PDB file of N, CA and C in Angstrom:
ATOM      1  N   MET A   1      -5.334  -3.283  10.580  1.00  0.00           N
ATOM      2  CA  MET A   1      -5.605  -4.684  10.295  1.00  0.00           C
ATOM      3  C   MET A   1      -4.458  -5.286   9.782  1.00  0.00           C
ATOM      4  N   GLY A   2      -4.192  -6.535  10.224  1.00  0.00           N
ATOM      5  CA  GLY A   2      -2.885  -7.295   9.747  1.00  0.00           C
ATOM      6  C   GLY A   2      -3.072  -7.874   8.576  1.00  0.00           C
ATOM      7  N   THR A   3      -2.231  -9.000   8.093  1.00  0.00           N
ATOM      8  CA  THR A   3      -2.346  -9.450   6.905  1.00  0.00           C
ATOM      9  C   THR A   3      -2.794 -10.903   7.020  1.00  0.00           C
ATOM     10  N   SER A   4      -3.776 -11.214   7.974  1.00  0.00           N
ATOM     11  CA  SER A   4      -4.167 -12.320   8.259  1.00  0.00           C
ATOM     12  C   SER A   4      -5.055 -12.852   7.290  1.00  0.00           C
ATOM     13  N   SER A   5      -5.653 -14.004   7.172  1.00  0.00           N
ATOM     14  CA  SER A   5      -6.421 -14.648   6.206  1.00  0.00           C
ATOM     15  C   SER A   5      -7.820 -13.989   6.358  1.00  0.00           C
ATOM     16  N   ALA A   6      -8.134 -13.150   7.089  1.00  0.00           N
ATOM     17  CA  ALA A   6      -9.424 -12.557   7.103  1.00  0.00           C
ATOM     18  C   ALA A   6      -9.402 -11.365   6.103  1.00  0.00           C
ATOM     19  N   ALA A   7      -8.459 -11.036   5.436  1.00  0.00           N
ATOM     20  CA  ALA A   7      -8.580 -10.071   4.628  1.00  0.00           C
ATOM     21  C   ALA A   7      -9.316 -10.275   3.550  1.00  0.00           C
ATOM     22  N   SER A   8     -10.248  -9.008   3.132  1.00  0.00           N
ATOM     23  CA  SER A   8     -11.605  -9.254   2.276  1.00  0.00           C
ATOM     24  C   SER A   8     -11.053  -8.372   1.185  1.00  0.00           C
ATOM     25  N   MET A   9     -11.915  -8.441   0.008  1.00  0.00           N
ATOM     26  CA  MET A   9     -11.980  -7.533  -1.137  1.00  0.00           C
ATOM     27  C   MET A   9     -12.330  -6.164  -0.678  1.00  0.00           C
ATOM     28  N   LEU A  10     -12.915  -6.043   0.344  1.00  0.00           N
ATOM     29  CA  LEU A  10     -13.162  -4.643   0.897  1.00  0.00           C
ATOM     30  C   LEU A  10     -12.017  -4.046   1.612  1.00  0.00           C
ATOM     31  N   ASP A  11     -11.117  -4.951   2.310  1.00  0.00           N
ATOM     32  CA  ASP A  11      -9.937  -4.317   2.739  1.00  0.00           C
ATOM     33  C   ASP A  11      -9.076  -3.898   1.668  1.00  0.00           C
ATOM     34  N   PHE A  12      -9.115  -4.745   0.855  1.00  0.00           N
ATOM     35  CA  PHE A  12      -7.962  -4.441  -0.540  1.00  0.00           C
ATOM     36  C   PHE A  12      -8.459  -2.938  -1.009  1.00  0.00           C
ATOM     37  N   ASP A  13      -9.639  -2.846  -1.315  1.00  0.00           N
ATOM     38  CA  ASP A  13     -10.278  -1.772  -1.868  1.00  0.00           C
ATOM     39  C   ASP A  13      -9.834  -0.488  -0.816  1.00  0.00           C
ATOM     40  N   ILE A  14     -10.013  -0.579   0.301  1.00  0.00           N
ATOM     41  CA  ILE A  14      -9.458   0.430   1.352  1.00  0.00           C
ATOM     42  C   ILE A  14      -7.938   0.573   1.138  1.00  0.00           C
ATOM     43  N   TRP A  15      -7.172  -0.306   1.205  1.00  0.00           N
ATOM     44  CA  TRP A  15      -5.763  -0.369   0.870  1.00  0.00           C
ATOM     45  C   TRP A  15      -5.456   0.599  -0.309  1.00  0.00           C
ATOM     46  N   MET A  16      -6.144   0.242  -1.376  1.00  0.00           N
ATOM     47  CA  MET A  16      -5.849   0.794  -2.691  1.00  0.00           C
ATOM     48  C   MET A  16      -5.999   2.310  -2.477  1.00  0.00           C
ATOM     49  N   ARG A  17      -7.286   2.447  -2.016  1.00  0.00           N
ATOM     50  CA  ARG A  17      -7.576   4.069  -1.714  1.00  0.00           C
ATOM     51  C   ARG A  17      -6.655   4.732  -0.870  1.00  0.00           C
ATOM     52  N   LYS A  18      -6.198   4.148   0.082  1.00  0.00           N
ATOM     53  CA  LYS A  18      -5.228   4.769   1.076  1.00  0.00           C
ATOM     54  C   LYS A  18      -3.927   5.159   0.318  1.00  0.00           C
ATOM     55  N   ILE A  19      -3.435   4.252  -0.454  1.00  0.00           N
ATOM     56  CA  ILE A  19      -2.206   4.291  -1.486  1.00  0.00           C
ATOM     57  C   ILE A  19      -2.330   5.485  -2.338  1.00  0.00           C
ATOM     58  N   ASP A  20      -3.594   5.398  -2.953  1.00  0.00           N
ATOM     59  CA  ASP A  20      -3.720   6.833  -3.994  1.00  0.00           C
ATOM     60  C   ASP A  20      -3.557   8.041  -3.214  1.00  0.00           C
ATOM     61  N   LYS A  21      -4.229   8.075  -1.666  1.00  0.00           N
ATOM     62  CA  LYS A  21      -4.081   9.354  -1.206  1.00  0.00           C
ATOM     63  C   LYS A  21      -2.466   9.493  -0.717  1.00  0.00           C
ATOM     64  N   LYS A  22      -1.959   8.630  -0.041  1.00  0.00           N
ATOM     65  CA  LYS A  22      -0.748   8.554   0.444  1.00  0.00           C
ATOM     66  C   LYS A  22       0.352   8.975  -0.501  1.00  0.00           C
ATOM     67  N   ILE A  23       0.252   8.600  -1.905  1.00  0.00           N
ATOM     68  CA  ILE A  23       1.308   8.768  -3.079  1.00  0.00           C
ATOM     69  C   ILE A  23       1.168  10.048  -3.406  1.00  0.00           C
ATOM     70  N   VAL A  24       0.025  10.787  -3.485  1.00  0.00           N
ATOM     71  CA  VAL A  24      -0.121  12.332  -3.489  1.00  0.00           C
ATOM     72  C   VAL A  24       0.458  12.985  -2.290  1.00  0.00           C
ATOM     73  N   ASP A  25       0.241  12.616  -1.216  1.00  0.00           N
ATOM     74  CA  ASP A  25       1.020  13.179   0.128  1.00  0.00           C
ATOM     75  C   ASP A  25       2.341  13.225  -0.033  1.00  0.00           C
ATOM     76  N   VAL A  26       2.992  11.899  -0.193  1.00  0.00           N
ATOM     77  CA  VAL A  26       4.347  11.726  -0.305  1.00  0.00           C
ATOM     78  C   VAL A  26       4.922  12.817  -1.254  1.00  0.00           C
ATOM     79  N   GLN A  27       4.422  12.931  -2.433  1.00  0.00           N
ATOM     80  CA  GLN A  27       4.977  13.755  -3.456  1.00  0.00           C
ATOM     81  C   GLN A  27       5.005  15.429  -2.970  1.00  0.00           C
ATOM     82  N   LYS A  28       3.933  15.823  -2.189  1.00  0.00           N
ATOM     83  CA  LYS A  28       3.700  17.014  -1.673  1.00  0.00           C
ATOM     84  C   LYS A  28       4.803  17.288  -0.716  1.00  0.00           C
ATOM     85  N   ARG A  29       5.147  16.213  -0.012  1.00  0.00           N
ATOM     86  CA  ARG A  29       6.099  16.431   1.364  1.00  0.00           C
ATOM     87  C   ARG A  29       7.507  16.309   0.660  1.00  0.00           C
ATOM     88  N   ILE A  30       7.863  15.541  -0.213  1.00  0.00           N
ATOM     89  CA  ILE A  30       8.982  15.848  -0.831  1.00  0.00           C
ATOM     90  C   ILE A  30       9.230  17.108  -1.370  1.00  0.00           C
ATOM     91  N   ALA A  31       8.305  17.651  -2.159  1.00  0.00           N
ATOM     92  CA  ALA A  31       8.406  18.952  -2.609  1.00  0.00           C
ATOM     93  C   ALA A  31       8.840  20.103  -1.532  1.00  0.00           C
ATOM     94  N   GLN A  32       8.110  19.873  -0.388  1.00  0.00           N
ATOM     95  CA  GLN A  32       8.134  20.743   0.758  1.00  0.00           C
ATOM     96  C   GLN A  32       9.538  20.473   1.712  1.00  0.00           C
ATOM     97  N   LYS A  33      10.143  19.386   1.282  1.00  0.00           N
ATOM     98  CA  LYS A  33      11.420  18.940   1.943  1.00  0.00           C
ATOM     99  C   LYS A  33      10.982  18.612   3.370  1.00  0.00           C
ATOM    100  N   ASP A  34       9.739  18.179   3.460  1.00  0.00           N
ATOM    101  CA  ASP A  34       9.538  17.721   4.822  1.00  0.00           C
ATOM    102  C   ASP A  34       9.774  16.098   4.828  1.00  0.00           C
ATOM    103  N   ASP A  35      10.911  15.930   5.296  1.00  0.00           N
ATOM    104  CA  ASP A  35      11.597  14.554   5.195  1.00  0.00           C
ATOM    105  C   ASP A  35      10.765  13.424   6.089  1.00  0.00           C
ATOM    106  N   GLU A  36      10.574  13.998   7.343  1.00  0.00           N
ATOM    107  CA  GLU A  36       9.918  13.051   8.371  1.00  0.00           C
ATOM    108  C   GLU A  36       8.606  12.621   7.780  1.00  0.00           C
ATOM    109  N   ALA A  37       7.699  13.620   7.297  1.00  0.00           N
ATOM    110  CA  ALA A  37       6.471  13.203   7.040  1.00  0.00           C
ATOM    111  C   ALA A  37       6.521  12.310   5.609  1.00  0.00           C
ATOM    112  N   ALA A  38       7.298  12.736   4.777  1.00  0.00           N
ATOM    113  CA  ALA A  38       7.537  11.827   3.451  1.00  0.00           C
ATOM    114  C   ALA A  38       7.979  10.595   3.761  1.00  0.00           C
ATOM    115  N   ILE A  39       8.825  10.481   4.570  1.00  0.00           N
ATOM    116  CA  ILE A  39       9.370   8.927   5.210  1.00  0.00           C
ATOM    117  C   ILE A  39       8.058   8.198   5.667  1.00  0.00           C
ATOM    118  N   GLN A  40       7.381   8.681   6.689  1.00  0.00           N
ATOM    119  CA  GLN A  40       6.402   8.123   7.147  1.00  0.00           C
ATOM    120  C   GLN A  40       5.439   7.713   6.270  1.00  0.00           C
ATOM    121  N   SER A  41       4.989   8.579   5.186  1.00  0.00           N
ATOM    122  CA  SER A  41       3.980   8.377   4.080  1.00  0.00           C
ATOM    123  C   SER A  41       4.640   6.984   3.353  1.00  0.00           C
ATOM    124  N   ALA A  42       5.669   6.998   3.176  1.00  0.00           N
ATOM    125  CA  ALA A  42       6.335   6.194   2.272  1.00  0.00           C
ATOM    126  C   ALA A  42       6.292   4.699   3.029  1.00  0.00           C
ATOM    127  N   GLU A  43       6.667   4.840   4.349  1.00  0.00           N
ATOM    128  CA  GLU A  43       6.433   3.546   5.021  1.00  0.00           C
ATOM    129  C   GLU A  43       5.187   2.894   5.077  1.00  0.00           C
ATOM    130  N   GLU A  44       4.208   3.854   5.253  1.00  0.00           N
ATOM    131  CA  GLU A  44       2.742   3.298   5.063  1.00  0.00           C
ATOM    132  C   GLU A  44       2.494   2.716   3.876  1.00  0.00           C
ATOM    133  N   ILE A  45       2.977   3.471   2.826  1.00  0.00           N
ATOM    134  CA  ILE A  45       2.678   2.782   1.415  1.00  0.00           C
ATOM    135  C   ILE A  45       3.210   1.371   1.234  1.00  0.00           C
ATOM    136  N   GLU A  46       4.490   1.454   1.757  1.00  0.00           N
ATOM    137  CA  GLU A  46       5.148  -0.008   1.914  1.00  0.00           C
ATOM    138  C   GLU A  46       4.550  -1.117   2.625  1.00  0.00           C
ATOM    139  N   ASP A  47       3.823  -0.632   3.745  1.00  0.00           N
ATOM    140  CA  ASP A  47       3.040  -1.673   4.712  1.00  0.00           C
ATOM    141  C   ASP A  47       1.847  -2.088   3.958  1.00  0.00           C
ATOM    142  N   LEU A  48       1.255  -1.135   3.222  1.00  0.00           N
ATOM    143  CA  LEU A  48      -0.035  -1.372   2.537  1.00  0.00           C
ATOM    144  C   LEU A  48       0.033  -2.194   1.216  1.00  0.00           C
ATOM    145  N   TYR A  49       1.298  -2.126   0.476  1.00  0.00           N
ATOM    146  CA  TYR A  49       1.802  -3.002  -0.537  1.00  0.00           C
ATOM    147  C   TYR A  49       1.943  -4.467   0.005  1.00  0.00           C
ATOM    148  N   LEU A  50       2.512  -4.492   1.261  1.00  0.00           N
ATOM    149  CA  LEU A  50       2.884  -5.856   1.719  1.00  0.00           C
ATOM    150  C   LEU A  50       1.519  -6.557   2.061  1.00  0.00           C
ATOM    151  N   LYS A  51       0.520  -5.866   2.615  1.00  0.00           N
ATOM    152  CA  LYS A  51      -0.867  -6.351   2.809  1.00  0.00           C
ATOM    153  C   LYS A  51      -1.307  -6.808   1.544  1.00  0.00           C
ATOM    154  N   MET A  52      -1.469  -6.027   0.318  1.00  0.00           N
ATOM    155  CA  MET A  52      -1.954  -6.459  -0.701  1.00  0.00           C
ATOM    156  C   MET A  52      -1.212  -7.707  -1.395  1.00  0.00           C
ATOM    157  N   GLU A  53       0.252  -7.726  -1.369  1.00  0.00           N
ATOM    158  CA  GLU A  53       0.922  -8.932  -1.764  1.00  0.00           C
ATOM    159  C   GLU A  53       0.253  -9.920  -1.068  1.00  0.00           C
ATOM    160  N   ASN A  54       0.267  -9.992   0.132  1.00  0.00           N
ATOM    161  CA  ASN A  54      -0.279 -11.175   1.004  1.00  0.00           C
ATOM    162  C   ASN A  54      -1.676 -11.538   0.508  1.00  0.00           C
ATOM    163  N   TYR A  55      -2.593 -10.509   0.414  1.00  0.00           N
ATOM    164  CA  TYR A  55      -4.028 -10.677   0.006  1.00  0.00           C
ATOM    165  C   TYR A  55      -3.940 -11.556  -1.273  1.00  0.00           C
ATOM    166  N   PHE A  56      -3.313 -10.932  -2.293  1.00  0.00           N
ATOM    167  CA  PHE A  56      -3.151 -11.759  -3.657  1.00  0.00           C
ATOM    168  C   PHE A  56      -2.654 -13.101  -3.481  1.00  0.00           C
ATOM    169  N   ILE A  57      -1.764 -13.494  -2.752  1.00  0.00           N
ATOM    170  CA  ILE A  57      -1.046 -14.700  -2.459  1.00  0.00           C
ATOM    171  C   ILE A  57      -2.258 -15.491  -1.893  1.00  0.00           C
ATOM    172  N   GLN A  58      -3.230 -15.078  -0.863  1.00  0.00           N
ATOM    173  CA  GLN A  58      -3.981 -15.714  -0.019  1.00  0.00           C
ATOM    174  C   GLN A  58      -5.092 -16.257  -1.111  1.00  0.00           C
ATOM    175  N   ILE A  59      -5.557 -15.359  -1.928  1.00  0.00           N
ATOM    176  CA  ILE A  59      -6.784 -15.710  -2.901  1.00  0.00           C
ATOM    177  C   ILE A  59      -6.261 -16.269  -4.334  1.00  0.00           C
ATOM    178  N   LYS A  60      -4.922 -16.596  -4.233  1.00  0.00           N
ATOM    179  CA  LYS A  60      -4.257 -17.139  -5.460  1.00  0.00           C
ATOM    180  C   LYS A  60      -4.685 -16.501  -6.719  1.00  0.00           C
ATOM    181  N   HIS A  61      -4.249 -15.171  -6.558  1.00  0.00           N
ATOM    182  CA  HIS A  61      -4.555 -14.142  -7.763  1.00  0.00           C
ATOM    183  C   HIS A  61      -3.356 -14.478  -8.639  1.00  0.00           C
ATOM    184  N   PRO A  62      -3.364 -14.088  -9.863  1.00  0.00           N
ATOM    185  CA  PRO A  62      -2.369 -14.471 -10.872  1.00  0.00           C
ATOM    186  C   PRO A  62      -0.991 -13.560 -10.301  1.00  0.00           C
ATOM    187  N   GLU A  63       0.206 -14.205 -10.630  1.00  0.00           N
ATOM    188  CA  GLU A  63       1.521 -13.963 -10.134  1.00  0.00           C
ATOM    189  C   GLU A  63       1.672 -12.226 -10.655  1.00  0.00           C
ATOM    190  N   GLU A  64       0.953 -11.976 -11.798  1.00  0.00           N
ATOM    191  CA  GLU A  64       1.336 -10.469 -12.141  1.00  0.00           C
ATOM    192  C   GLU A  64       0.759  -9.547 -10.885  1.00  0.00           C
ATOM    193  N   ALA A  65      -0.428 -10.055 -10.181  1.00  0.00           N
ATOM    194  CA  ALA A  65      -0.914  -9.171  -9.252  1.00  0.00           C
ATOM    195  C   ALA A  65       0.057  -9.004  -8.037  1.00  0.00           C
ATOM    196  N   VAL A  66       0.569 -10.182  -7.646  1.00  0.00           N
ATOM    197  CA  VAL A  66       1.523 -10.135  -6.525  1.00  0.00           C
ATOM    198  C   VAL A  66       2.857  -9.545  -7.045  1.00  0.00           C
ATOM    199  N   GLN A  67       3.329  -9.671  -8.219  1.00  0.00           N
ATOM    200  CA  GLN A  67       4.597  -8.945  -8.602  1.00  0.00           C
ATOM    201  C   GLN A  67       4.334  -7.288  -8.668  1.00  0.00           C
ATOM    202  N   MET A  68       3.046  -6.954  -9.117  1.00  0.00           N
ATOM    203  CA  MET A  68       2.788  -5.524  -8.872  1.00  0.00           C
ATOM    204  C   MET A  68       2.884  -5.097  -7.503  1.00  0.00           C
ATOM    205  N   SER A  69       2.508  -5.766  -6.719  1.00  0.00           N
ATOM    206  CA  SER A  69       2.472  -5.383  -5.145  1.00  0.00           C
ATOM    207  C   SER A  69       3.894  -5.313  -4.731  1.00  0.00           C
ATOM    208  N   ARG A  70       4.589  -6.158  -4.952  1.00  0.00           N
ATOM    209  CA  ARG A  70       6.045  -6.330  -4.697  1.00  0.00           C
ATOM    210  C   ARG A  70       6.770  -5.064  -5.308  1.00  0.00           C
ATOM    211  N   GLU A  71       6.529  -4.863  -6.605  1.00  0.00           N
ATOM    212  CA  GLU A  71       7.092  -3.519  -7.256  1.00  0.00           C
ATOM    213  C   GLU A  71       6.727  -2.366  -6.438  1.00  0.00           C
ATOM    214  N   GLY A  72       5.361  -2.237  -5.997  1.00  0.00           N
ATOM    215  CA  GLY A  72       5.099  -1.141  -5.260  1.00  0.00           C
ATOM    216  C   GLY A  72       5.720  -0.821  -3.996  1.00  0.00           C
ATOM    217  N   LYS A  73       5.861  -2.088  -3.212  1.00  0.00           N
ATOM    218  CA  LYS A  73       6.542  -2.082  -1.973  1.00  0.00           C
ATOM    219  C   LYS A  73       7.908  -1.640  -2.123  1.00  0.00           C
ATOM    220  N   GLU A  74       8.554  -2.153  -3.120  1.00  0.00           N
ATOM    221  CA  GLU A  74      10.084  -1.677  -3.364  1.00  0.00           C
ATOM    222  C   GLU A  74      10.233  -0.187  -3.684  1.00  0.00           C
ATOM    223  N   ALA A  75       9.290   0.255  -4.586  1.00  0.00           N
ATOM    224  CA  ALA A  75       9.185   1.711  -4.689  1.00  0.00           C
ATOM    225  C   ALA A  75       9.161   2.565  -3.627  1.00  0.00           C
ATOM    226  N   ALA A  76       8.101   2.163  -2.643  1.00  0.00           N
ATOM    227  CA  ALA A  76       8.078   2.954  -1.519  1.00  0.00           C
ATOM    228  C   ALA A  76       9.176   2.908  -0.726  1.00  0.00           C
ATOM    229  N   ALA A  77       9.766   1.717  -0.774  1.00  0.00           N
ATOM    230  CA  ALA A  77      11.232   1.576   0.013  1.00  0.00           C
ATOM    231  C   ALA A  77      12.315   2.607  -0.398  1.00  0.00           C
ATOM    232  N   ILE A  78      12.159   2.540  -1.843  1.00  0.00           N
ATOM    233  CA  ILE A  78      13.259   3.493  -2.450  1.00  0.00           C
ATOM    234  C   ILE A  78      12.925   4.959  -2.061  1.00  0.00           C
ATOM    235  N   ILE A  79      11.497   5.443  -1.911  1.00  0.00           N
ATOM    236  CA  ILE A  79      11.151   6.772  -1.640  1.00  0.00           C
ATOM    237  C   ILE A  79      11.788   7.149  -0.114  1.00  0.00           C
ATOM    238  N   SER A  80      11.430   6.206   0.788  1.00  0.00           N
ATOM    239  CA  SER A  80      12.152   6.324   2.102  1.00  0.00           C
ATOM    240  C   SER A  80      13.651   6.581   2.128  1.00  0.00           C
ATOM    241  N   ALA A  81      14.354   5.568   1.383  1.00  0.00           N
ATOM    242  CA  ALA A  81      15.908   5.698   1.233  1.00  0.00           C
ATOM    243  C   ALA A  81      16.337   6.940   0.783  1.00  0.00           C
ATOM    244  N   SER A  82      15.615   7.351  -0.406  1.00  0.00           N
ATOM    245  CA  SER A  82      16.051   8.486  -1.181  1.00  0.00           C
ATOM    246  C   SER A  82      15.712   9.760  -0.264  1.00  0.00           C
ATOM    247  N   VAL A  83      14.731   9.887   0.429  1.00  0.00           N
ATOM    248  CA  VAL A  83      14.555  11.060   1.226  1.00  0.00           C
ATOM    249  C   VAL A  83      15.545  11.126   2.503  1.00  0.00           C
ATOM    250  N   ARG A  84      15.878   9.958   3.079  1.00  0.00           N
ATOM    251  CA  ARG A  84      16.813   9.726   3.994  1.00  0.00           C
ATOM    252  C   ARG A  84      18.102  10.355   3.524  1.00  0.00           C
ATOM    253  N   ASN A  85      18.288  10.042   2.210  1.00  0.00           N
ATOM    254  CA  ASN A  85      19.789  10.435   1.609  1.00  0.00           C
ATOM    255  C   ASN A  85      19.596  11.999   1.012  1.00  0.00           C
ATOM    256  N   GLN A  86      18.344  12.378   0.984  1.00  0.00           N
ATOM    257  CA  GLN A  86      18.246  13.650   0.557  1.00  0.00           C
ATOM    258  C   GLN A  86      18.561  13.973  -0.978  1.00  0.00           C
ATOM    259  N   ASP A  87      18.155  12.593  -1.814  1.00  0.00           N
ATOM    260  CA  ASP A  87      17.844  12.524  -3.168  1.00  0.00           C
ATOM    261  C   ASP A  87      16.586  12.482  -3.502  1.00  0.00           C
ATOM    262  N   TYR A  88      16.027  13.703  -3.568  1.00  0.00           N
ATOM    263  CA  TYR A  88      14.801  14.096  -3.688  1.00  0.00           C
ATOM    264  C   TYR A  88      14.194  13.809  -5.156  1.00  0.00           C
ATOM    265  N   ASP A  89      15.208  13.918  -6.078  1.00  0.00           N
ATOM    266  CA  ASP A  89      14.626  13.478  -7.424  1.00  0.00           C
ATOM    267  C   ASP A  89      14.255  12.006  -7.473  1.00  0.00           C
ATOM    268  N   LYS A  90      15.344  11.106  -7.071  1.00  0.00           N
ATOM    269  CA  LYS A  90      14.914   9.714  -7.063  1.00  0.00           C
ATOM    270  C   LYS A  90      13.689   9.432  -6.521  1.00  0.00           C
ATOM    271  N   GLY A  91      13.560  10.124  -5.146  1.00  0.00           N
ATOM    272  CA  GLY A  91      12.401   9.867  -4.338  1.00  0.00           C
ATOM    273  C   GLY A  91      11.023  10.245  -5.353  1.00  0.00           C
ATOM    274  N   VAL A  92      11.085  11.275  -5.906  1.00  0.00           N
ATOM    275  CA  VAL A  92      10.101  11.779  -6.575  1.00  0.00           C
ATOM    276  C   VAL A  92       9.829  10.817  -7.766  1.00  0.00           C
ATOM    277  N   LEU A  93      10.704  10.230  -8.413  1.00  0.00           N
ATOM    278  CA  LEU A  93      10.657   9.275  -9.555  1.00  0.00           C
ATOM    279  C   LEU A  93       9.911   8.163  -9.006  1.00  0.00           C
ATOM    280  N   ALA A  94      10.480   7.649  -7.979  1.00  0.00           N
ATOM    281  CA  ALA A  94       9.675   6.396  -7.334  1.00  0.00           C
ATOM    282  C   ALA A  94       8.236   6.694  -7.249  1.00  0.00           C
ATOM    283  N   ALA A  95       8.052   7.736  -6.542  1.00  0.00           N
ATOM    284  CA  ALA A  95       6.461   8.082  -6.225  1.00  0.00           C
ATOM    285  C   ALA A  95       5.758   8.219  -7.547  1.00  0.00           C
ATOM    286  N   VAL A  96       6.354   8.808  -8.440  1.00  0.00           N
ATOM    287  CA  VAL A  96       5.571   8.711  -9.913  1.00  0.00           C
ATOM    288  C   VAL A  96       5.517   7.456 -10.496  1.00  0.00           C
ATOM    289  N   SER A  97       6.383   6.502 -10.182  1.00  0.00           N
ATOM    290  CA  SER A  97       6.172   5.075 -10.774  1.00  0.00           C
ATOM    291  C   SER A  97       5.110   4.228 -10.071  1.00  0.00           C
ATOM    292  N   ILE A  98       4.948   4.724  -8.754  1.00  0.00           N
ATOM    293  CA  ILE A  98       3.745   4.095  -7.905  1.00  0.00           C
ATOM    294  C   ILE A  98       2.444   4.637  -8.575  1.00  0.00           C
ATOM    295  N   ALA A  99       2.117   5.895  -8.926  1.00  0.00           N
ATOM    296  CA  ALA A  99       1.134   6.576  -9.340  1.00  0.00           C
ATOM    297  C   ALA A  99       0.766   5.836 -10.661  1.00  0.00           C
ATOM    298  N   ARG A 100       1.778   5.806 -11.504  1.00  0.00           N
ATOM    299  CA  ARG A 100       1.543   5.046 -12.912  1.00  0.00           C
ATOM    300  C   ARG A 100       1.083   3.686 -12.691  1.00  0.00           C
ATOM    301  N   ALA A 101       1.663   3.075 -11.915  1.00  0.00           N
ATOM    302  CA  ALA A 101       1.363   1.503 -11.811  1.00  0.00           C
ATOM    303  C   ALA A 101      -0.104   1.365 -11.050  1.00  0.00           C
ATOM    304  N   CYS A 102      -0.336   2.470 -10.295  1.00  0.00           N
ATOM    305  CA  CYS A 102      -1.742   2.243  -9.705  1.00  0.00           C
ATOM    306  C   CYS A 102      -2.807   2.406 -10.904  1.00  0.00           C
ATOM    307  N   SER A 103      -2.683   3.326 -11.700  1.00  0.00           N
ATOM    308  CA  SER A 103      -3.540   3.420 -12.781  1.00  0.00           C
ATOM    309  C   SER A 103      -3.592   2.039 -13.601  1.00  0.00           C
ATOM    310  N   ALA A 104      -2.458   1.422 -13.911  1.00  0.00           N
ATOM    311  CA  ALA A 104      -2.535   0.092 -14.782  1.00  0.00           C
ATOM    312  C   ALA A 104      -3.117  -0.802 -13.988  1.00  0.00           C
ATOM    313  N   CYS A 105      -2.784  -0.956 -12.902  1.00  0.00           N
ATOM    314  CA  CYS A 105      -3.311  -2.045 -12.023  1.00  0.00           C
ATOM    315  C   CYS A 105      -4.811  -2.021 -11.852  1.00  0.00           C
ATOM    316  N   HIS A 106      -5.304  -0.761 -11.726  1.00  0.00           N
ATOM    317  CA  HIS A 106      -6.714  -0.543 -11.419  1.00  0.00           C
ATOM    318  C   HIS A 106      -7.475  -1.109 -12.598  1.00  0.00           C
ATOM    319  N   ASP A 107      -6.965  -0.961 -13.829  1.00  0.00           N
ATOM    320  CA  ASP A 107      -7.647  -1.532 -14.794  1.00  0.00           C
ATOM    321  C   ASP A 107      -8.034  -3.148 -14.748  1.00  0.00           C
ATOM    322  N   ASN A 108      -6.995  -3.723 -14.308  1.00  0.00           N
ATOM    323  CA  ASN A 108      -7.203  -5.336 -14.075  1.00  0.00           C
ATOM    324  C   ASN A 108      -7.661  -5.742 -12.740  1.00  0.00           C
ATOM    325  N   TYR A 109      -7.412  -4.923 -11.537  1.00  0.00           N
ATOM    326  CA  TYR A 109      -7.568  -5.606 -10.229  1.00  0.00           C
ATOM    327  C   TYR A 109      -8.547  -5.035  -9.273  1.00  0.00           C
ATOM    328  N   ARG A 110      -8.978  -3.686  -9.829  1.00  0.00           N
ATOM    329  CA  ARG A 110      -9.864  -2.934  -8.900  1.00  0.00           C
ATOM    330  C   ARG A 110     -11.082  -3.921  -8.501  1.00  0.00           C
ATOM    331  N   PRO A 111     -11.311  -3.950  -7.326  1.00  0.00           N
ATOM    332  CA  PRO A 111     -12.387  -4.928  -6.879  1.00  0.00           C
ATOM    333  C   PRO A 111     -13.896  -4.243  -7.097  1.00  0.00           C
ATOM    334  N   PHE A 112     -13.941  -3.056  -6.825  1.00  0.00           N
ATOM    335  CA  PHE A 112     -15.235  -2.323  -6.927  1.00  0.00           C
ATOM    336  C   PHE A 112     -15.274  -1.178  -8.027  1.00  0.00           C
ATOM    337  N   LYS A 113     -16.097  -1.360  -9.132  1.00  0.00           N
ATOM    338  CA  LYS A 113     -15.818  -0.376 -10.311  1.00  0.00           C
ATOM    339  C   LYS A 113     -17.053   0.691 -10.301  1.00  0.00           C
TER     340      LYS A 113
END
């Protein structure tokens, strides 16, 4: 699904759940030094955060939600770049920052509780 105006709260919930699964996967892949799979997962996370950013802009959500999405997208890009450079520690730190941000964001913006 693209980032069109047809995005719904259900889409947002699906994207969040995918990020939750993918961030665990990317950490496992980094630990296994499976660079290709780690990069692929990180790029998927980056795309999901872009969708969330556009969704928050579309529904005129508070700037904090937009900023959290941008930060997640940037952290996912750091993961990809770090793995490409075999700087696994930096990649793991970026992945952990996403996992922590997910928990904080869920408290405020989770659509279905």
